[in-house]
Amino acid sequence: MFKKTSALLLLSLPLLSSCSAIMALNGKPTPKLDVLAVGNNRTLVESRLGSPSATTRLSNGSTKDSYQYKIGADASPSRAIGYVALDLFLVFIPELVTIPIEATKGEDRVAEIIYDKNDNIVDMSLNKGKISKKIVIITNKCNKKTPQLAGFF
């Protein structure tokens, strides 16, 4: 019985291995941010960053879009080969370390872009972290500043 269990466990180890290698091969490329310049069109921005995570209409008719992206999480065949070699030589024990390394690879960033009525960039900011709810001050027609929950941006 012990021999059968040991043999079954030994044969199943390759099936459980190389998750980190697969994660290293499936990384997302860092988007090219050279399109983020005042005057560029929304279509050009969305071709690089994808659809916005959140959109807010501002009182002056402009639009504020927030885009989430990651930097430093690119695919790496050489890292994947290294993980497979470690798995084979050290009987898959390195997976306990390499999976968390791959899971935390990269840094979350947020691009907040304000477009005019013609969908051209008029202002932008790049921040670290994820999109969170914020209370913003929106100026109404009477020039009174009132705090409002603007949602995710």
Protein backbone atom coordinates (compact mmCIF):
# COMPACT_ATOMS: atom_id res chain seq x y z
CA MET A 1 0.00 0.00 0.00
CA PHE A 2 2.80 2.44 0.93
CA LYS A 3 4.61 1.72 -2.34
CA LYS A 4 1.48 2.39 -4.39
CA THR A 5 0.79 5.66 -2.59
CA SER A 6 4.39 6.79 -2.91
CA ALA A 7 4.48 5.90 -6.60
CA LEU A 8 1.20 7.70 -7.23
CA LEU A 9 2.44 10.80 -5.40
CA LEU A 10 5.74 10.73 -7.28
CA LEU A 11 3.97 10.40 -10.63
CA SER A 12 1.55 13.24 -9.84
CA LEU A 13 4.26 15.77 -8.91
CA PRO A 14 4.92 16.81 -12.53
CA LEU A 15 1.21 17.60 -12.89
CA LEU A 16 1.39 19.95 -9.92
CA SER A 17 4.59 21.62 -11.05
CA SER A 18 5.55 24.56 -13.17
CA CYS A 19 2.65 26.85 -12.27
CA SER A 20 5.21 29.61 -11.82
CA ALA A 21 6.72 28.83 -15.23
CA ILE A 22 3.28 29.16 -16.86
CA MET A 23 2.70 32.40 -14.96
CA ALA A 24 6.08 33.72 -16.17
CA LEU A 25 5.13 32.92 -19.78
CA ASN A 26 1.68 34.54 -19.48
CA GLY A 27 2.79 37.96 -18.28
CA LYS A 28 1.23 41.11 -19.72
CA PRO A 29 3.46 43.59 -21.53
CA THR A 30 3.90 47.05 -20.06
CA PRO A 31 1.81 49.44 -22.17
CA LYS A 32 3.64 52.10 -24.15
CA LEU A 33 2.67 55.44 -22.62
CA ASP A 34 4.13 57.61 -25.38
CA VAL A 35 0.57 58.39 -26.55
CA LEU A 36 -0.19 60.22 -23.31
CA ALA A 37 0.29 63.79 -24.48
CA VAL A 38 -2.01 66.79 -24.40
CA GLY A 39 -3.98 66.98 -27.64
CA ASN A 40 -3.94 63.25 -28.45
CA ASN A 41 -7.28 61.55 -29.08
CA ARG A 42 -9.09 59.05 -26.80
CA THR A 43 -8.99 56.37 -29.53
CA LEU A 44 -5.20 56.46 -29.56
CA VAL A 45 -5.04 56.19 -25.76
CA GLU A 46 -7.48 53.27 -25.65
CA SER A 47 -5.47 51.44 -28.33
CA ARG A 48 -2.60 51.27 -25.83
CA LEU A 49 -4.33 51.14 -22.43
CA GLY A 50 -7.61 49.42 -23.33
CA SER A 51 -11.02 50.53 -22.14
CA PRO A 52 -11.16 52.78 -19.09
CA SER A 53 -11.84 51.22 -15.69
CA ALA A 54 -14.01 54.18 -14.73
CA THR A 55 -15.49 57.22 -16.44
CA THR A 56 -16.75 60.40 -14.78
CA ARG A 57 -18.56 63.28 -16.50
CA LEU A 58 -17.36 66.63 -15.19
CA SER A 59 -19.53 69.71 -14.81
CA ASN A 60 -17.80 71.58 -17.63
CA GLY A 61 -18.72 68.87 -20.16
CA SER A 62 -15.34 67.17 -20.18
CA THR A 63 -14.79 63.54 -19.26
CA LYS A 64 -12.36 61.99 -16.79
CA ASP A 65 -11.32 58.41 -17.55
CA SER A 66 -9.21 56.16 -15.34
CA TYR A 67 -7.15 53.33 -16.79
CA GLN A 68 -5.54 50.56 -14.73
CA TYR A 69 -2.39 48.89 -16.00
CA LYS A 70 0.66 47.05 -14.69
CA ILE A 71 4.32 47.72 -15.26
CA GLY A 72 7.06 45.14 -14.82
CA ALA A 73 4.85 42.08 -15.36
CA ASP A 74 6.14 41.21 -18.84
CA ALA A 75 6.31 37.61 -20.05
CA SER A 76 9.76 36.08 -19.58
CA PRO A 77 10.71 32.77 -21.26
CA SER A 78 14.12 32.81 -19.57
CA ARG A 79 12.50 33.10 -16.12
CA ALA A 80 10.16 30.22 -17.02
CA ILE A 81 13.10 28.02 -18.08
CA GLY A 82 14.82 28.80 -14.78
CA TYR A 83 11.70 27.82 -12.83
CA VAL A 84 11.38 24.51 -14.70
CA ALA A 85 15.07 23.73 -14.09
CA LEU A 86 14.66 24.45 -10.37
CA ASP A 87 11.56 22.23 -10.27
CA LEU A 88 13.33 19.32 -11.90
CA PHE A 89 16.50 19.52 -9.82
CA LEU A 90 14.84 20.21 -6.48
CA VAL A 91 11.76 17.96 -6.82
CA PHE A 92 9.22 20.79 -7.28
CA ILE A 93 9.87 22.30 -3.84
CA PRO A 94 10.80 25.72 -5.37
CA GLU A 95 7.16 26.16 -6.41
CA LEU A 96 6.46 27.18 -2.81
CA VAL A 97 8.63 30.24 -3.43
CA THR A 98 8.36 30.91 -7.16
CA ILE A 99 4.54 30.99 -7.35
CA PRO A 100 4.26 33.87 -4.83
CA ILE A 101 7.08 35.68 -6.66
CA GLU A 102 5.18 35.47 -9.95
CA ALA A 103 1.84 36.32 -8.34
CA THR A 104 3.23 39.60 -7.00
CA LYS A 105 5.24 40.49 -10.11
CA GLY A 106 4.64 43.98 -11.44
CA GLU A 107 3.33 47.21 -10.02
CA ASP A 108 -0.24 48.49 -10.33
CA ARG A 109 -0.61 51.93 -11.87
CA VAL A 110 -3.48 54.26 -12.70
CA ALA A 111 -3.64 56.84 -15.48
CA GLU A 112 -6.29 59.50 -14.96
CA ILE A 113 -6.98 61.42 -18.15
CA ILE A 114 -9.32 64.35 -18.74
CA TYR A 115 -10.72 64.72 -22.26
CA ASP A 116 -12.47 67.74 -23.75
CA LYS A 117 -15.77 67.56 -25.65
CA ASN A 118 -13.88 66.43 -28.78
CA ASP A 119 -12.23 63.52 -26.91
CA ASN A 120 -8.78 65.11 -26.94
CA ILE A 121 -6.54 65.01 -23.85
CA VAL A 122 -6.46 68.27 -21.87
CA ASP A 123 -4.93 66.99 -18.62
CA MET A 124 -3.58 63.75 -17.15
CA SER A 125 -1.85 62.22 -14.15
CA LEU A 126 -0.09 58.91 -13.59
CA ASN A 127 -0.34 57.38 -10.12
CA LYS A 128 0.76 54.26 -8.30
CA GLY A 129 -1.81 51.90 -6.86
CA LYS A 130 -5.32 50.90 -7.79
CA ILE A 131 -8.42 52.93 -8.45
CA SER A 132 -10.28 53.79 -5.27
CA LYS A 133 -13.42 55.71 -4.37
CA LYS A 134 -12.76 59.35 -3.71
CA ILE A 135 -14.81 62.36 -2.76
CA VAL A 136 -14.16 65.20 -5.17
CA ILE A 137 -15.17 68.81 -5.29
CA ILE A 138 -17.31 69.60 -8.33
CA THR A 139 -18.00 73.22 -9.13
CA ASN A 140 -21.64 73.77 -10.07
CA LYS A 141 -23.09 76.58 -12.20
CA CYS A 142 -23.28 78.99 -9.24
CA ASN A 143 -19.54 78.48 -8.56
CA LYS A 144 -20.40 76.82 -5.26
CA LYS A 145 -18.07 73.99 -4.40
CA THR A 146 -19.95 70.95 -3.19
CA PRO A 147 -18.42 67.60 -2.26
CA GLN A 148 -19.87 64.70 -4.21
CA LEU A 149 -19.06 61.05 -4.44
CA ALA A 150 -17.64 60.73 -7.92
CA GLY A 151 -17.40 56.94 -7.87
CA PHE A 152 -14.38 55.04 -9.04
CA PHE A 153 -11.73 57.10 -10.81
